[in-house]
Protein backbone atom coordinates (compact mmCIF):
# COMPACT_ATOMS: atom_id res chain seq x y z
CA UNK A 1 4.20 -32.85 -15.14
CA UNK A 2 0.75 -32.89 -13.58
CA UNK A 3 0.03 -31.85 -10.02
CA UNK A 4 -0.95 -35.39 -9.08
CA UNK A 5 2.46 -36.66 -10.15
CA UNK A 6 4.30 -34.10 -7.99
CA UNK A 7 2.97 -35.35 -4.67
CA UNK A 8 0.18 -34.68 -2.17
CA UNK A 9 -1.62 -31.37 -2.37
CA UNK A 10 -0.72 -30.42 1.21
CA UNK A 11 2.99 -30.85 0.47
CA UNK A 12 2.66 -28.70 -2.66
CA UNK A 13 0.84 -25.97 -0.76
CA UNK A 14 3.43 -25.99 2.02
CA UNK A 15 6.25 -25.75 -0.53
CA UNK A 16 4.49 -22.89 -2.31
CA UNK A 17 3.77 -21.15 1.03
CA UNK A 18 7.51 -20.98 1.78
CA UNK A 19 8.56 -19.97 -1.74
CA UNK A 20 9.52 -16.26 -1.95
CA UNK A 21 8.84 -16.24 -5.70
CA UNK A 22 5.24 -17.24 -5.04
CA UNK A 23 4.85 -14.34 -2.58
CA UNK A 24 6.31 -11.90 -5.11
CA UNK A 25 3.88 -13.16 -7.75
CA UNK A 26 0.98 -12.80 -5.31
CA UNK A 27 2.04 -9.24 -4.45
CA UNK A 28 2.26 -8.41 -8.16
CA UNK A 29 -1.26 -9.73 -8.69
CA UNK A 30 -2.60 -7.56 -5.87
CA UNK A 31 -0.93 -4.44 -7.28
CA UNK A 32 -2.39 -5.24 -10.70
CA UNK A 33 -5.79 -5.52 -9.03
CA UNK A 34 -5.20 -2.12 -7.38
CA UNK A 35 -4.50 -0.57 -10.78
CA UNK A 36 -7.49 -2.26 -12.43
CA UNK A 37 -9.90 -1.25 -9.66
CA UNK A 38 -8.83 2.43 -9.58
CA UNK A 39 -11.51 3.72 -11.96
CA UNK A 40 -14.38 1.94 -10.24
CA UNK A 41 -14.02 1.60 -6.50
CA UNK A 42 -12.04 3.30 -3.77
CA UNK A 43 -12.96 0.51 -1.37
CA UNK A 44 -11.46 -2.16 -3.62
CA UNK A 45 -8.31 -0.09 -4.06
CA UNK A 46 -7.89 0.10 -0.29
CA UNK A 47 -8.62 -3.62 0.19
CA UNK A 48 -6.19 -4.72 -2.53
CA UNK A 49 -3.50 -2.28 -1.33
CA UNK A 50 -3.72 -3.64 2.23
CA UNK A 51 -3.61 -7.20 0.89
CA UNK A 52 -0.52 -6.32 -1.16
CA UNK A 53 1.18 -4.84 1.89
CA UNK A 54 0.35 -7.95 3.90
CA UNK A 55 1.88 -10.21 1.23
CA UNK A 56 5.01 -8.02 1.21
CA UNK A 57 5.40 -8.05 5.01
CA UNK A 58 7.19 -11.42 5.39
CA UNK A 59 10.01 -10.25 3.13
CA UNK A 60 10.31 -6.60 4.19
CA UNK A 61 13.88 -5.64 5.13
CA UNK A 62 13.76 -2.44 7.20
CA UNK A 63 17.53 -1.89 7.17
CA UNK A 64 17.74 -1.97 3.37
CA UNK A 65 14.63 0.20 3.07
CA UNK A 66 16.13 2.88 5.33
CA UNK A 67 19.38 2.77 3.35
CA UNK A 68 17.42 3.34 0.13
CA UNK A 69 15.62 6.31 1.70
CA UNK A 70 18.99 7.94 2.47
CA UNK A 71 19.96 8.05 -1.22
CA UNK A 72 19.52 11.39 -3.02
CA UNK A 73 17.13 9.86 -5.56
CA UNK A 74 14.66 9.24 -2.72
CA UNK A 75 14.51 12.85 -1.49
CA UNK A 76 11.75 14.00 -3.86
CA UNK A 77 9.33 11.10 -3.18
CA UNK A 78 9.90 11.43 0.56
CA UNK A 79 9.35 15.20 0.39
CA UNK A 80 6.11 14.75 -1.58
CA UNK A 81 4.89 12.15 0.91
CA UNK A 82 5.66 14.43 3.85
CA UNK A 83 3.94 17.35 2.12
CA UNK A 84 0.82 15.26 1.49
CA UNK A 85 0.84 13.94 5.07
CA UNK A 86 1.18 17.47 6.44
CA UNK A 87 -1.67 18.72 4.28
CA UNK A 88 -3.83 15.78 5.30
CA UNK A 89 -3.14 16.28 8.99
CA UNK A 90 -3.82 19.99 8.71
CA UNK A 91 -7.29 19.41 7.32
CA UNK A 92 -8.45 16.88 9.87
CA UNK A 93 -7.43 18.59 13.10
CA UNK A 94 -10.36 18.94 15.46
CA UNK A 95 -11.23 22.56 16.02
CA UNK A 96 -9.40 23.78 12.91
CA UNK A 97 -11.18 26.78 11.45
CA UNK A 98 -12.52 26.61 7.92
CA UNK A 99 -11.35 29.62 5.88
CA UNK A 100 -14.55 29.67 3.81
CA UNK A 101 -16.77 29.75 6.89
CA UNK A 102 -15.23 33.00 8.15
CA UNK A 103 -15.71 34.68 4.76
CA UNK A 104 -19.46 34.09 4.73
CA UNK A 105 -21.72 36.68 6.41
CA UNK A 106 -23.60 35.48 9.46
CA UNK A 107 -27.34 35.91 9.80
CA UNK A 108 -28.30 36.67 13.37
């Protein structure tokens, strides 16, 4: 059936806007774009990742997500994330000393 036979365009867009399957397909497309853009551009990866998170937001269930994180299978990914976050925060602290700078001789 053609689009014209299904009704006005605004009604079709409204129906598609409320359809969870359409949002899942859109999120999948954004994650595919993240994977495709990885070799070429860090900016595009960040843009597509944020867009994917935005398209996931209307259907995010925090209670179920927290229950999944409590399962033993989730311990390793959570631990790796916390390790990466700790390492990242340790590098960007203002006033943190650089270990290579202290090893270099100073010229006075």
